[in-house]
Amino acid sequence: MKKPALIIGILTILVLMLSVVRIYVSNQIATSGVVLGKMEEEVSAYKTENILLSEKLYSASALTNIEREASKLGFVEQKSDFVLSGRVPVAFKQ
């Protein structure tokens, strides 16, 4: 009579422990979903910011913009071309 009661007691304790473990794991999974959602929102915000910064970079590095900024700073376009007098060989023989 003692043996079946012991087995039933052990199985009951085991079921309770497994239920507690299941509740803990379910809670961890539920909160990780919220964290994952926040992370996806941050990634989306960073992608949007990167696109805007790329557009600003492209417009700032455009040659027309650089020319305009250079003229504001007092640089002027050189009218004469630079030409080498005489022929210079591409490679020297030694």
N, C-alpha and C. Protein backbone atom coordinates (compact mmCIF):
# COMPACT_ATOMS: atom_id res chain seq x y z
N MET A 1 0.81 -1.19 0.00
CA MET A 1 0.00 0.00 0.00
C MET A 1 0.87 1.26 0.00
N LYS A 2 2.01 1.18 0.57
CA LYS A 2 2.87 2.33 0.68
C LYS A 2 3.49 2.71 -0.66
N LYS A 3 3.81 1.70 -1.47
CA LYS A 3 4.48 1.95 -2.74
C LYS A 3 3.61 2.74 -3.72
N PRO A 4 2.34 2.43 -3.95
CA PRO A 4 1.53 3.23 -4.87
C PRO A 4 1.33 4.66 -4.39
N ALA A 5 1.23 4.88 -3.11
CA ALA A 5 1.05 6.23 -2.59
C ALA A 5 2.32 7.05 -2.84
N LEU A 6 3.48 6.43 -2.70
CA LEU A 6 4.76 7.11 -2.94
C LEU A 6 4.89 7.49 -4.43
N ILE A 7 4.53 6.58 -5.31
CA ILE A 7 4.60 6.84 -6.74
C ILE A 7 3.63 7.97 -7.12
N ILE A 8 2.42 7.94 -6.58
CA ILE A 8 1.44 8.98 -6.86
C ILE A 8 1.94 10.33 -6.33
N GLY A 9 2.54 10.35 -5.18
CA GLY A 9 3.09 11.60 -4.60
C GLY A 9 4.22 12.16 -5.46
N ILE A 10 5.13 11.28 -5.91
CA ILE A 10 6.25 11.72 -6.76
C ILE A 10 5.71 12.26 -8.09
N LEU A 11 4.76 11.57 -8.69
CA LEU A 11 4.18 12.02 -9.95
C LEU A 11 3.45 13.36 -9.78
N THR A 12 2.78 13.55 -8.67
CA THR A 12 2.09 14.82 -8.41
C THR A 12 3.09 15.97 -8.28
N ILE A 13 4.15 15.73 -7.54
CA ILE A 13 5.19 16.76 -7.39
C ILE A 13 5.84 17.05 -8.74
N LEU A 14 6.09 16.00 -9.52
CA LEU A 14 6.68 16.18 -10.85
C LEU A 14 5.77 17.00 -11.76
N VAL A 15 4.48 16.73 -11.72
CA VAL A 15 3.52 17.48 -12.54
C VAL A 15 3.51 18.95 -12.12
N LEU A 16 3.53 19.21 -10.80
CA LEU A 16 3.55 20.59 -10.31
C LEU A 16 4.83 21.31 -10.74
N MET A 17 5.96 20.64 -10.63
CA MET A 17 7.23 21.26 -11.03
C MET A 17 7.25 21.56 -12.53
N LEU A 18 6.78 20.63 -13.34
CA LEU A 18 6.73 20.85 -14.78
C LEU A 18 5.76 21.97 -15.14
N SER A 19 4.69 22.10 -14.40
CA SER A 19 3.74 23.20 -14.64
C SER A 19 4.39 24.55 -14.34
N VAL A 20 5.16 24.61 -13.26
CA VAL A 20 5.86 25.85 -12.93
C VAL A 20 6.90 26.19 -14.00
N VAL A 21 7.63 25.19 -14.48
CA VAL A 21 8.61 25.41 -15.54
C VAL A 21 7.92 25.90 -16.81
N ARG A 22 6.79 25.31 -17.12
CA ARG A 22 6.05 25.72 -18.32
C ARG A 22 5.58 27.16 -18.20
N ILE A 23 5.09 27.56 -17.05
CA ILE A 23 4.64 28.94 -16.83
C ILE A 23 5.82 29.90 -16.98
N TYR A 24 6.98 29.54 -16.43
CA TYR A 24 8.17 30.39 -16.53
C TYR A 24 8.61 30.56 -17.99
N VAL A 25 8.65 29.45 -18.73
CA VAL A 25 9.07 29.51 -20.14
C VAL A 25 8.08 30.32 -20.96
N SER A 26 6.79 30.14 -20.71
CA SER A 26 5.76 30.91 -21.44
C SER A 26 5.91 32.40 -21.17
N ASN A 27 6.21 32.75 -19.94
CA ASN A 27 6.41 34.15 -19.58
C ASN A 27 7.63 34.73 -20.30
N GLN A 28 8.70 33.98 -20.38
CA GLN A 28 9.91 34.45 -21.06
C GLN A 28 9.66 34.64 -22.55
N ILE A 29 8.94 33.73 -23.16
CA ILE A 29 8.64 33.83 -24.58
C ILE A 29 7.74 35.04 -24.85
N ALA A 30 6.78 35.28 -23.99
CA ALA A 30 5.86 36.41 -24.19
C ALA A 30 6.61 37.74 -24.10
N THR A 31 7.51 37.89 -23.15
CA THR A 31 8.24 39.15 -23.02
C THR A 31 9.28 39.31 -24.12
N SER A 32 9.81 38.21 -24.64
CA SER A 32 10.78 38.34 -25.72
C SER A 32 10.10 38.83 -27.00
N GLY A 33 8.85 38.54 -27.17
CA GLY A 33 8.11 39.05 -28.32
C GLY A 33 7.96 40.56 -28.28
N VAL A 34 7.75 41.11 -27.10
CA VAL A 34 7.63 42.56 -26.93
C VAL A 34 8.98 43.21 -27.23
N VAL A 35 10.05 42.62 -26.71
CA VAL A 35 11.39 43.15 -26.96
C VAL A 35 11.73 43.07 -28.44
N LEU A 36 11.36 41.99 -29.08
CA LEU A 36 11.61 41.83 -30.52
C LEU A 36 10.86 42.90 -31.31
N GLY A 37 9.65 43.20 -30.93
CA GLY A 37 8.87 44.24 -31.60
C GLY A 37 9.54 45.61 -31.47
N LYS A 38 10.05 45.92 -30.28
CA LYS A 38 10.74 47.20 -30.07
C LYS A 38 12.01 47.27 -30.91
N MET A 39 12.73 46.16 -30.98
CA MET A 39 13.96 46.13 -31.77
C MET A 39 13.66 46.32 -33.25
N GLU A 40 12.59 45.72 -33.76
CA GLU A 40 12.21 45.89 -35.16
C GLU A 40 11.83 47.34 -35.45
N GLU A 41 11.17 48.00 -34.50
CA GLU A 41 10.83 49.41 -34.67
C GLU A 41 12.09 50.27 -34.74
N GLU A 42 13.08 49.96 -33.89
CA GLU A 42 14.33 50.70 -33.90
C GLU A 42 15.07 50.49 -35.21
N VAL A 43 15.10 49.26 -35.70
CA VAL A 43 15.77 48.98 -36.97
C VAL A 43 15.11 49.75 -38.10
N SER A 44 13.80 49.78 -38.10
CA SER A 44 13.07 50.52 -39.13
C SER A 44 13.39 52.01 -39.05
N ALA A 45 13.46 52.56 -37.84
CA ALA A 45 13.79 53.98 -37.68
C ALA A 45 15.20 54.26 -38.18
N TYR A 46 16.15 53.37 -37.88
CA TYR A 46 17.53 53.56 -38.33
C TYR A 46 17.64 53.45 -39.85
N LYS A 47 16.89 52.56 -40.45
CA LYS A 47 16.91 52.45 -41.92
C LYS A 47 16.39 53.73 -42.56
N THR A 48 15.32 54.28 -42.01
CA THR A 48 14.77 55.53 -42.53
C THR A 48 15.78 56.66 -42.38
N GLU A 49 16.42 56.72 -41.22
CA GLU A 49 17.43 57.76 -40.98
C GLU A 49 18.61 57.60 -41.94
N ASN A 50 19.03 56.37 -42.20
CA ASN A 50 20.13 56.13 -43.14
C ASN A 50 19.77 56.59 -44.55
N ILE A 51 18.53 56.37 -44.97
CA ILE A 51 18.10 56.80 -46.30
C ILE A 51 18.14 58.33 -46.38
N LEU A 52 17.65 59.01 -45.35
CA LEU A 52 17.68 60.48 -45.36
C LEU A 52 19.10 61.01 -45.36
N LEU A 53 19.98 60.40 -44.58
CA LEU A 53 21.37 60.84 -44.54
C LEU A 53 22.08 60.57 -45.87
N SER A 54 21.74 59.48 -46.53
CA SER A 54 22.32 59.18 -47.85
C SER A 54 21.93 60.26 -48.85
N GLU A 55 20.66 60.65 -48.83
CA GLU A 55 20.20 61.69 -49.75
C GLU A 55 20.91 63.02 -49.48
N LYS A 56 21.10 63.35 -48.19
CA LYS A 56 21.83 64.58 -47.86
C LYS A 56 23.28 64.49 -48.34
N LEU A 57 23.89 63.33 -48.18
CA LEU A 57 25.27 63.14 -48.63
C LEU A 57 25.38 63.29 -50.14
N TYR A 58 24.46 62.69 -50.88
CA TYR A 58 24.49 62.77 -52.34
C TYR A 58 24.31 64.22 -52.80
N SER A 59 23.41 64.95 -52.18
CA SER A 59 23.21 66.34 -52.59
C SER A 59 24.39 67.20 -52.19
N ALA A 60 25.02 66.93 -51.06
CA ALA A 60 26.17 67.72 -50.62
C ALA A 60 27.40 67.42 -51.46
N SER A 61 27.51 66.23 -51.99
CA SER A 61 28.70 65.87 -52.76
C SER A 61 28.51 66.08 -54.26
N ALA A 62 27.38 66.64 -54.66
CA ALA A 62 27.15 66.93 -56.07
C ALA A 62 28.11 68.04 -56.51
N LEU A 63 28.61 67.94 -57.73
CA LEU A 63 29.58 68.91 -58.23
C LEU A 63 29.02 70.32 -58.30
N THR A 64 27.76 70.45 -58.62
CA THR A 64 27.17 71.80 -58.68
C THR A 64 27.13 72.43 -57.29
N ASN A 65 26.84 71.64 -56.29
CA ASN A 65 26.81 72.15 -54.92
C ASN A 65 28.22 72.52 -54.46
N ILE A 66 29.19 71.69 -54.80
CA ILE A 66 30.57 71.97 -54.42
C ILE A 66 31.04 73.26 -55.10
N GLU A 67 30.69 73.44 -56.37
CA GLU A 67 31.08 74.65 -57.10
C GLU A 67 30.44 75.88 -56.45
N ARG A 68 29.19 75.79 -56.08
CA ARG A 68 28.49 76.90 -55.45
C ARG A 68 29.14 77.27 -54.12
N GLU A 69 29.46 76.26 -53.32
CA GLU A 69 30.10 76.51 -52.02
C GLU A 69 31.50 77.09 -52.21
N ALA A 70 32.23 76.63 -53.22
CA ALA A 70 33.57 77.15 -53.47
C ALA A 70 33.50 78.62 -53.89
N SER A 71 32.52 78.98 -54.70
CA SER A 71 32.40 80.38 -55.10
C SER A 71 32.02 81.26 -53.91
N LYS A 72 31.24 80.74 -52.99
CA LYS A 72 30.90 81.49 -51.77
C LYS A 72 32.15 81.75 -50.93
N LEU A 73 33.08 80.79 -50.94
CA LEU A 73 34.30 80.93 -50.15
C LEU A 73 35.37 81.76 -50.86
N GLY A 74 35.11 82.17 -52.10
CA GLY A 74 36.04 83.04 -52.80
C GLY A 74 36.92 82.35 -53.83
N PHE A 75 36.74 81.11 -54.04
CA PHE A 75 37.51 80.42 -55.07
C PHE A 75 36.97 80.80 -56.44
N VAL A 76 37.87 80.92 -57.41
CA VAL A 76 37.45 81.25 -58.77
C VAL A 76 37.95 80.17 -59.71
N GLU A 77 37.26 80.04 -60.83
CA GLU A 77 37.64 79.02 -61.80
C GLU A 77 38.84 79.51 -62.59
N GLN A 78 39.83 78.67 -62.77
CA GLN A 78 41.03 79.03 -63.52
C GLN A 78 40.72 78.98 -65.00
N LYS A 79 41.00 80.07 -65.68
CA LYS A 79 40.64 80.16 -67.09
C LYS A 79 41.69 79.55 -68.02
N SER A 80 42.96 79.56 -67.62
CA SER A 80 43.99 79.02 -68.51
C SER A 80 44.19 77.54 -68.20
N ASP A 81 44.48 76.79 -69.24
CA ASP A 81 44.73 75.36 -69.09
C ASP A 81 46.19 75.12 -68.77
N PHE A 82 46.47 74.07 -68.09
CA PHE A 82 47.85 73.69 -67.75
C PHE A 82 48.32 72.71 -68.81
N VAL A 83 49.39 73.09 -69.53
CA VAL A 83 49.89 72.25 -70.61
C VAL A 83 51.38 72.04 -70.41
N LEU A 84 51.83 70.83 -70.58
CA LEU A 84 53.26 70.54 -70.51
C LEU A 84 53.89 70.88 -71.85
N SER A 85 55.02 71.55 -71.81
CA SER A 85 55.70 71.85 -73.06
C SER A 85 56.69 70.73 -73.37
N GLY A 86 56.66 70.24 -74.55
CA GLY A 86 57.52 69.13 -74.94
C GLY A 86 56.89 67.79 -74.61
N ARG A 87 57.40 66.80 -75.27
CA ARG A 87 56.85 65.46 -75.04
C ARG A 87 57.62 64.80 -73.91
N VAL A 88 56.91 64.19 -73.02
CA VAL A 88 57.50 63.44 -71.92
C VAL A 88 57.21 61.98 -72.17
N PRO A 89 58.26 61.14 -72.17
CA PRO A 89 58.00 59.71 -72.43
C PRO A 89 57.20 59.11 -71.28
N VAL A 90 56.44 58.09 -71.63
CA VAL A 90 55.61 57.41 -70.66
C VAL A 90 56.48 56.60 -69.71
N ALA A 91 57.52 55.98 -70.25
CA ALA A 91 58.42 55.19 -69.42
C ALA A 91 59.85 55.45 -69.88
N PHE A 92 60.76 55.45 -68.94
CA PHE A 92 62.18 55.66 -69.25
C PHE A 92 62.86 54.31 -69.40
N LYS A 93 63.79 54.23 -70.37
CA LYS A 93 64.59 53.03 -70.54
C LYS A 93 65.84 53.16 -69.70
N GLN A 94 66.22 52.12 -69.05
CA GLN A 94 67.44 52.18 -68.24
C GLN A 94 68.41 51.14 -68.68
